[in-house]
Amino acid sequence: MITGVNRLTGFVLAGGKSSRMGSDKAFLSWGQETLLSNALKLAGNVAASVHIVGDAKRFASHSSVVEDVYRDRGPLGGIHAALSSTTTELNLILAVDLPLVKPRFLHYLVSQADENGATVTVPRAGNGWQPLCAVYRREFAAIAEQSLLAGKNKIDPLFAMVKTRVLQEQELAQQGFSAEMFRNLNTPEELEAARRGFAHGDDVR
């Protein structure tokens, strides 16, 4: 945990439509658990309190749930809902379909967010920005809301509007982290490939 009492809240974004997967990603198996339980456990490594952002009817039996204020607006709507509900300054946002992220990386991410004072602390690795494995200060809720009210759902352009600490791929590599851990799972084929690597103990650090 970071220094201070309850200074970080974790949020698992599980509200996606999973259209390319063909079934609800959150409840797909991952090892001996589900992607959802795995994500909750991951976030719980760094946050004393972890909530699900999604449909209360689907998820209320698994953890406390925060529902979108602006529905059907994608991940930005989920980030806005999380930051509008939080009582802590720092907030980890973690997508349900990033099971290859390691607890050690989350500790590093949170420590950087705690030290630098930036509104957003976000990796830029692999295919680009990783806004669904990032730490946001709750003030970002207002930026997200302005964008949503303007009909704009993209997250990445908002980083230029606030102080942003970017964890570049080179920095992550120097710390022993691989960009492979940000591989998200949108199709059954991607899920199966990740499961095979997980079962064989592939080290994505």
C-alpha atoms as a PDB file:
ATOM      1  CA  MET A   1       0.000   0.000   0.000  1.00  0.00           C
ATOM      2  CA  ILE A   2       1.133   3.571  -0.530  1.00  0.00           C
ATOM      3  CA  THR A   3       1.923   5.803   2.391  1.00  0.00           C
ATOM      4  CA  GLY A   4      -1.029   7.383   4.155  1.00  0.00           C
ATOM      5  CA  VAL A   5      -4.329   5.879   5.184  1.00  0.00           C
ATOM      6  CA  ASN A   6      -6.689   4.830   2.397  1.00  0.00           C
ATOM      7  CA  ARG A   7      -5.157   7.230  -0.114  1.00  0.00           C
ATOM      8  CA  LEU A   8      -5.804   4.932  -3.067  1.00  0.00           C
ATOM      9  CA  THR A   9      -8.974   3.290  -4.367  1.00  0.00           C
ATOM     10  CA  GLY A  10      -8.987   0.589  -7.032  1.00  0.00           C
ATOM     11  CA  PHE A  11     -11.570   0.345  -9.809  1.00  0.00           C
ATOM     12  CA  VAL A  12     -11.951  -2.575 -12.214  1.00  0.00           C
ATOM     13  CA  LEU A  13     -13.642  -1.545 -15.465  1.00  0.00           C
ATOM     14  CA  ALA A  14     -15.969  -4.409 -16.399  1.00  0.00           C
ATOM     15  CA  GLY A  15     -18.694  -2.648 -18.331  1.00  0.00           C
ATOM     16  CA  GLY A  16     -17.570  -3.426 -21.866  1.00  0.00           C
ATOM     17  CA  LYS A  17     -19.904  -5.121 -24.317  1.00  0.00           C
ATOM     18  CA  SER A  18     -17.404  -7.921 -25.135  1.00  0.00           C
ATOM     19  CA  SER A  19     -18.841  -7.983 -28.665  1.00  0.00           C
ATOM     20  CA  ARG A  20     -15.743  -9.484 -30.311  1.00  0.00           C
ATOM     21  CA  MET A  21     -15.340 -12.056 -27.537  1.00  0.00           C
ATOM     22  CA  GLY A  22     -18.903 -13.310 -27.941  1.00  0.00           C
ATOM     23  CA  SER A  23     -19.513 -13.656 -24.190  1.00  0.00           C
ATOM     24  CA  ASP A  24     -18.996 -11.544 -21.071  1.00  0.00           C
ATOM     25  CA  LYS A  25     -15.245 -11.259 -20.617  1.00  0.00           C
ATOM     26  CA  ALA A  26     -15.506 -10.711 -16.884  1.00  0.00           C
ATOM     27  CA  PHE A  27     -16.710 -14.260 -16.235  1.00  0.00           C
ATOM     28  CA  LEU A  28     -14.354 -16.112 -18.564  1.00  0.00           C
ATOM     29  CA  SER A  29     -11.972 -18.468 -16.828  1.00  0.00           C
ATOM     30  CA  TRP A  30      -8.377 -17.524 -16.087  1.00  0.00           C
ATOM     31  CA  GLY A  31      -6.455 -20.263 -14.338  1.00  0.00           C
ATOM     32  CA  GLN A  32      -8.492 -21.325 -11.342  1.00  0.00           C
ATOM     33  CA  GLU A  33     -10.556 -18.125 -11.318  1.00  0.00           C
ATOM     34  CA  THR A  34     -12.239 -15.659 -13.678  1.00  0.00           C
ATOM     35  CA  LEU A  35     -10.867 -12.567 -15.363  1.00  0.00           C
ATOM     36  CA  LEU A  36     -12.988 -10.522 -12.941  1.00  0.00           C
ATOM     37  CA  SER A  37     -11.752 -12.201  -9.767  1.00  0.00           C
ATOM     38  CA  ASN A  38      -8.202 -12.003 -11.081  1.00  0.00           C
ATOM     39  CA  ALA A  39      -8.538  -8.260 -11.748  1.00  0.00           C
ATOM     40  CA  LEU A  40     -10.058  -7.637  -8.315  1.00  0.00           C
ATOM     41  CA  LYS A  41      -7.168  -9.503  -6.733  1.00  0.00           C
ATOM     42  CA  LEU A  42      -4.613  -7.580  -8.797  1.00  0.00           C
ATOM     43  CA  ALA A  43      -6.076  -4.214  -7.808  1.00  0.00           C
ATOM     44  CA  GLY A  44      -6.277  -5.391  -4.209  1.00  0.00           C
ATOM     45  CA  ASN A  45      -2.509  -5.719  -4.162  1.00  0.00           C
ATOM     46  CA  VAL A  46      -2.203  -1.944  -4.038  1.00  0.00           C
ATOM     47  CA  ALA A  47      -5.621  -0.640  -2.950  1.00  0.00           C
ATOM     48  CA  ALA A  48      -7.368  -1.259   0.356  1.00  0.00           C
ATOM     49  CA  SER A  49     -10.745  -0.740  -1.326  1.00  0.00           C
ATOM     50  CA  VAL A  50     -11.620  -2.076  -4.787  1.00  0.00           C
ATOM     51  CA  HIS A  51     -14.853  -1.522  -6.715  1.00  0.00           C
ATOM     52  CA  ILE A  52     -16.248  -2.754 -10.015  1.00  0.00           C
ATOM     53  CA  VAL A  53     -17.388  -0.220 -12.601  1.00  0.00           C
ATOM     54  CA  GLY A  54     -20.244  -1.814 -14.516  1.00  0.00           C
ATOM     55  CA  ASP A  55     -23.826  -3.040 -14.252  1.00  0.00           C
ATOM     56  CA  ALA A  56     -24.900  -3.589 -10.645  1.00  0.00           C
ATOM     57  CA  LYS A  57     -27.248  -6.408 -11.676  1.00  0.00           C
ATOM     58  CA  ARG A  58     -24.337  -8.391 -13.128  1.00  0.00           C
ATOM     59  CA  PHE A  59     -21.676  -7.660 -10.561  1.00  0.00           C
ATOM     60  CA  ALA A  60     -23.215  -6.784  -7.179  1.00  0.00           C
ATOM     61  CA  SER A  61     -22.560 -10.271  -5.818  1.00  0.00           C
ATOM     62  CA  HIS A  62     -18.823  -9.939  -6.524  1.00  0.00           C
ATOM     63  CA  SER A  63     -17.923  -6.542  -5.056  1.00  0.00           C
ATOM     64  CA  SER A  64     -19.352  -3.070  -4.590  1.00  0.00           C
ATOM     65  CA  VAL A  65     -20.351  -1.615  -7.950  1.00  0.00           C
ATOM     66  CA  VAL A  66     -20.224   1.869  -9.429  1.00  0.00           C
ATOM     67  CA  GLU A  67     -22.488   2.437 -12.433  1.00  0.00           C
ATOM     68  CA  ASP A  68     -21.824   4.840 -15.294  1.00  0.00           C
ATOM     69  CA  VAL A  69     -23.402   8.284 -15.112  1.00  0.00           C
ATOM     70  CA  TYR A  70     -23.015   8.632 -18.883  1.00  0.00           C
ATOM     71  CA  ARG A  71     -24.033   5.227 -20.214  1.00  0.00           C
ATOM     72  CA  ASP A  72     -22.726   3.535 -23.346  1.00  0.00           C
ATOM     73  CA  ARG A  73     -19.819   5.945 -23.666  1.00  0.00           C
ATOM     74  CA  GLY A  74     -17.029   3.393 -23.407  1.00  0.00           C
ATOM     75  CA  PRO A  75     -14.123   3.389 -20.963  1.00  0.00           C
ATOM     76  CA  LEU A  76     -14.122   7.174 -20.512  1.00  0.00           C
ATOM     77  CA  GLY A  77     -17.615   6.888 -19.073  1.00  0.00           C
ATOM     78  CA  GLY A  78     -16.316   4.262 -16.660  1.00  0.00           C
ATOM     79  CA  ILE A  79     -13.354   6.393 -15.618  1.00  0.00           C
ATOM     80  CA  HIS A  80     -15.679   9.342 -15.044  1.00  0.00           C
ATOM     81  CA  ALA A  81     -18.016   7.207 -12.923  1.00  0.00           C
ATOM     82  CA  ALA A  82     -15.126   5.887 -10.833  1.00  0.00           C
ATOM     83  CA  LEU A  83     -13.592   9.294 -10.203  1.00  0.00           C
ATOM     84  CA  SER A  84     -16.986  10.860  -9.468  1.00  0.00           C
ATOM     85  CA  SER A  85     -17.611   8.269  -6.763  1.00  0.00           C
ATOM     86  CA  THR A  86     -14.189   8.088  -5.142  1.00  0.00           C
ATOM     87  CA  THR A  87     -13.233   9.537  -1.782  1.00  0.00           C
ATOM     88  CA  THR A  88      -9.485   9.219  -2.347  1.00  0.00           C
ATOM     89  CA  GLU A  89      -7.051  11.430  -4.217  1.00  0.00           C
ATOM     90  CA  LEU A  90      -5.375   8.578  -6.103  1.00  0.00           C
ATOM     91  CA  ASN A  91      -7.340   5.982  -8.047  1.00  0.00           C
ATOM     92  CA  LEU A  92      -6.151   2.940  -9.933  1.00  0.00           C
ATOM     93  CA  ILE A  93      -8.134   2.175 -13.075  1.00  0.00           C
ATOM     94  CA  LEU A  94      -7.663  -1.396 -14.309  1.00  0.00           C
ATOM     95  CA  ALA A  95      -9.475  -3.066 -17.195  1.00  0.00           C
ATOM     96  CA  VAL A  96     -10.903  -6.502 -16.498  1.00  0.00           C
ATOM     97  CA  ASP A  97      -9.117  -7.933 -19.563  1.00  0.00           C
ATOM     98  CA  LEU A  98      -5.495  -7.223 -18.570  1.00  0.00           C
ATOM     99  CA  PRO A  99      -4.676 -10.410 -16.650  1.00  0.00           C
ATOM    100  CA  LEU A 100      -0.982 -10.356 -17.567  1.00  0.00           C
ATOM    101  CA  VAL A 101      -0.306  -7.230 -15.503  1.00  0.00           C
ATOM    102  CA  LYS A 102       1.894  -8.082 -12.532  1.00  0.00           C
ATOM    103  CA  PRO A 103       1.424  -6.848  -8.948  1.00  0.00           C
ATOM    104  CA  ARG A 104       5.007  -5.584  -8.923  1.00  0.00           C
ATOM    105  CA  PHE A 105       4.212  -3.278 -11.825  1.00  0.00           C
ATOM    106  CA  LEU A 106       1.113  -1.930 -10.067  1.00  0.00           C
ATOM    107  CA  HIS A 107       3.233  -1.115  -7.026  1.00  0.00           C
ATOM    108  CA  TYR A 108       5.650   0.765  -9.281  1.00  0.00           C
ATOM    109  CA  LEU A 109       2.809   2.590 -11.058  1.00  0.00           C
ATOM    110  CA  VAL A 110       1.225   3.668  -7.790  1.00  0.00           C
ATOM    111  CA  SER A 111       4.531   4.732  -6.252  1.00  0.00           C
ATOM    112  CA  GLN A 112       5.207   6.965  -9.253  1.00  0.00           C
ATOM    113  CA  ALA A 113       1.710   8.477  -9.020  1.00  0.00           C
ATOM    114  CA  ASP A 114       2.183   9.090  -5.309  1.00  0.00           C
ATOM    115  CA  GLU A 115       5.501  10.868  -5.816  1.00  0.00           C
ATOM    116  CA  ASN A 116       4.969  13.067  -8.852  1.00  0.00           C
ATOM    117  CA  GLY A 117       1.752  15.005  -8.226  1.00  0.00           C
ATOM    118  CA  ALA A 118       0.553  14.532 -11.818  1.00  0.00           C
ATOM    119  CA  THR A 119      -3.165  14.307 -12.542  1.00  0.00           C
ATOM    120  CA  VAL A 120      -2.597  11.114 -14.523  1.00  0.00           C
ATOM    121  CA  THR A 121       0.198   8.552 -14.326  1.00  0.00           C
ATOM    122  CA  VAL A 122      -0.074   6.325 -17.391  1.00  0.00           C
ATOM    123  CA  PRO A 123       2.118   3.855 -19.298  1.00  0.00           C
ATOM    124  CA  ARG A 124       2.832   4.387 -22.977  1.00  0.00           C
ATOM    125  CA  ALA A 125       4.004   1.023 -24.234  1.00  0.00           C
ATOM    126  CA  GLY A 126       3.094  -1.766 -26.608  1.00  0.00           C
ATOM    127  CA  ASN A 127       0.426  -0.356 -28.908  1.00  0.00           C
ATOM    128  CA  GLY A 128       0.476   3.116 -27.349  1.00  0.00           C
ATOM    129  CA  TRP A 129      -1.218   4.671 -24.346  1.00  0.00           C
ATOM    130  CA  GLN A 130      -2.487   2.308 -21.661  1.00  0.00           C
ATOM    131  CA  PRO A 131      -5.226   4.440 -20.035  1.00  0.00           C
ATOM    132  CA  LEU A 132      -6.948   1.378 -18.548  1.00  0.00           C
ATOM    133  CA  CYS A 133      -3.956   0.509 -16.407  1.00  0.00           C
ATOM    134  CA  ALA A 134      -3.241   3.923 -14.951  1.00  0.00           C
ATOM    135  CA  VAL A 135      -3.620   6.072 -11.848  1.00  0.00           C
ATOM    136  CA  TYR A 136      -5.868   9.128 -11.951  1.00  0.00           C
ATOM    137  CA  ARG A 137      -6.361  11.865  -9.405  1.00  0.00           C
ATOM    138  CA  ARG A 138     -10.029  12.526  -8.806  1.00  0.00           C
ATOM    139  CA  GLU A 139      -9.782  16.014 -10.358  1.00  0.00           C
ATOM    140  CA  PHE A 140      -9.672  14.239 -13.742  1.00  0.00           C
ATOM    141  CA  ALA A 141     -13.424  13.581 -13.338  1.00  0.00           C
ATOM    142  CA  ALA A 142     -14.157  17.166 -14.399  1.00  0.00           C
ATOM    143  CA  ILE A 143     -11.998  16.832 -17.545  1.00  0.00           C
ATOM    144  CA  ALA A 144     -13.718  13.545 -18.394  1.00  0.00           C
ATOM    145  CA  GLU A 145     -17.149  15.085 -17.899  1.00  0.00           C
ATOM    146  CA  GLN A 146     -16.381  18.046 -20.166  1.00  0.00           C
ATOM    147  CA  SER A 147     -15.365  15.627 -22.899  1.00  0.00           C
ATOM    148  CA  LEU A 148     -18.415  13.420 -22.431  1.00  0.00           C
ATOM    149  CA  LEU A 149     -20.741  16.418 -22.500  1.00  0.00           C
ATOM    150  CA  ALA A 150     -19.103  17.457 -25.773  1.00  0.00           C
ATOM    151  CA  GLY A 151     -19.827  14.011 -27.221  1.00  0.00           C
ATOM    152  CA  LYS A 152     -16.170  12.993 -27.232  1.00  0.00           C
ATOM    153  CA  ASN A 153     -15.391   9.549 -25.833  1.00  0.00           C
ATOM    154  CA  LYS A 154     -11.652   9.258 -26.461  1.00  0.00           C
ATOM    155  CA  ILE A 155      -9.371   9.223 -23.430  1.00  0.00           C
ATOM    156  CA  ASP A 156      -5.909   9.770 -24.894  1.00  0.00           C
ATOM    157  CA  PRO A 157      -6.413  13.382 -26.146  1.00  0.00           C
ATOM    158  CA  LEU A 158      -7.294  14.460 -22.607  1.00  0.00           C
ATOM    159  CA  PHE A 159      -3.799  13.745 -21.323  1.00  0.00           C
ATOM    160  CA  ALA A 160      -2.522  16.875 -23.086  1.00  0.00           C
ATOM    161  CA  MET A 161      -4.939  18.946 -20.980  1.00  0.00           C
ATOM    162  CA  VAL A 162      -3.528  17.938 -17.589  1.00  0.00           C
ATOM    163  CA  LYS A 163      -0.179  17.270 -15.953  1.00  0.00           C
ATOM    164  CA  THR A 164       0.605  13.721 -17.053  1.00  0.00           C
ATOM    165  CA  ARG A 165       3.422  11.456 -15.916  1.00  0.00           C
ATOM    166  CA  VAL A 166       4.141   9.097 -18.802  1.00  0.00           C
ATOM    167  CA  LEU A 167       5.826   5.773 -18.091  1.00  0.00           C
ATOM    168  CA  GLN A 168       7.600   5.205 -21.391  1.00  0.00           C
ATOM    169  CA  GLU A 169       8.383   1.710 -22.644  1.00  0.00           C
ATOM    170  CA  GLN A 170      12.129   2.259 -22.201  1.00  0.00           C
ATOM    171  CA  GLU A 171      11.638   3.166 -18.547  1.00  0.00           C
ATOM    172  CA  LEU A 172       9.470   0.111 -18.004  1.00  0.00           C
ATOM    173  CA  ALA A 173      12.091  -2.113 -19.622  1.00  0.00           C
ATOM    174  CA  GLN A 174      14.770  -0.637 -17.362  1.00  0.00           C
ATOM    175  CA  GLN A 175      12.589  -1.544 -14.393  1.00  0.00           C
ATOM    176  CA  GLY A 176      12.232  -5.102 -15.715  1.00  0.00           C
ATOM    177  CA  PHE A 177       8.698  -4.826 -17.110  1.00  0.00           C
ATOM    178  CA  SER A 178       7.585  -6.046 -20.536  1.00  0.00           C
ATOM    179  CA  ALA A 179       5.015  -4.247 -22.693  1.00  0.00           C
ATOM    180  CA  GLU A 180       3.479  -7.702 -23.280  1.00  0.00           C
ATOM    181  CA  MET A 181       1.652  -7.401 -19.974  1.00  0.00           C
ATOM    182  CA  PHE A 182      -0.645  -4.793 -21.549  1.00  0.00           C
ATOM    183  CA  ARG A 183      -1.917  -7.284 -24.124  1.00  0.00           C
ATOM    184  CA  ASN A 184      -5.674  -7.123 -23.709  1.00  0.00           C
ATOM    185  CA  LEU A 185      -8.033  -9.876 -24.721  1.00  0.00           C
ATOM    186  CA  ASN A 186     -10.730  -8.977 -27.214  1.00  0.00           C
ATOM    187  CA  THR A 187     -11.264 -12.235 -29.088  1.00  0.00           C
ATOM    188  CA  PRO A 188     -11.427 -15.948 -28.156  1.00  0.00           C
ATOM    189  CA  GLU A 189      -8.154 -16.451 -30.051  1.00  0.00           C
ATOM    190  CA  GLU A 190      -6.358 -13.767 -28.048  1.00  0.00           C
ATOM    191  CA  LEU A 191      -7.696 -15.212 -24.820  1.00  0.00           C
ATOM    192  CA  GLU A 192      -6.583 -18.726 -25.731  1.00  0.00           C
ATOM    193  CA  ALA A 193      -3.086 -17.551 -26.684  1.00  0.00           C
ATOM    194  CA  ALA A 194      -2.761 -15.699 -23.382  1.00  0.00           C
ATOM    195  CA  ARG A 195      -4.025 -18.732 -21.464  1.00  0.00           C
ATOM    196  CA  ARG A 196      -1.414 -20.929 -23.117  1.00  0.00           C
ATOM    197  CA  GLY A 197       1.347 -18.503 -22.198  1.00  0.00           C
ATOM    198  CA  PHE A 198       0.024 -18.239 -18.651  1.00  0.00           C
ATOM    199  CA  ALA A 199      -0.148 -22.005 -18.293  1.00  0.00           C
ATOM    200  CA  HIS A 200       3.431 -22.358 -19.582  1.00  0.00           C
ATOM    201  CA  GLY A 201       4.654 -19.730 -17.160  1.00  0.00           C
ATOM    202  CA  ASP A 202       5.714 -17.177 -19.773  1.00  0.00           C
ATOM    203  CA  ASP A 203       7.387 -14.330 -17.902  1.00  0.00           C
ATOM    204  CA  VAL A 204       5.904 -10.968 -18.774  1.00  0.00           C
ATOM    205  CA  ARG A 205       7.177  -9.582 -15.475  1.00  0.00           C
END
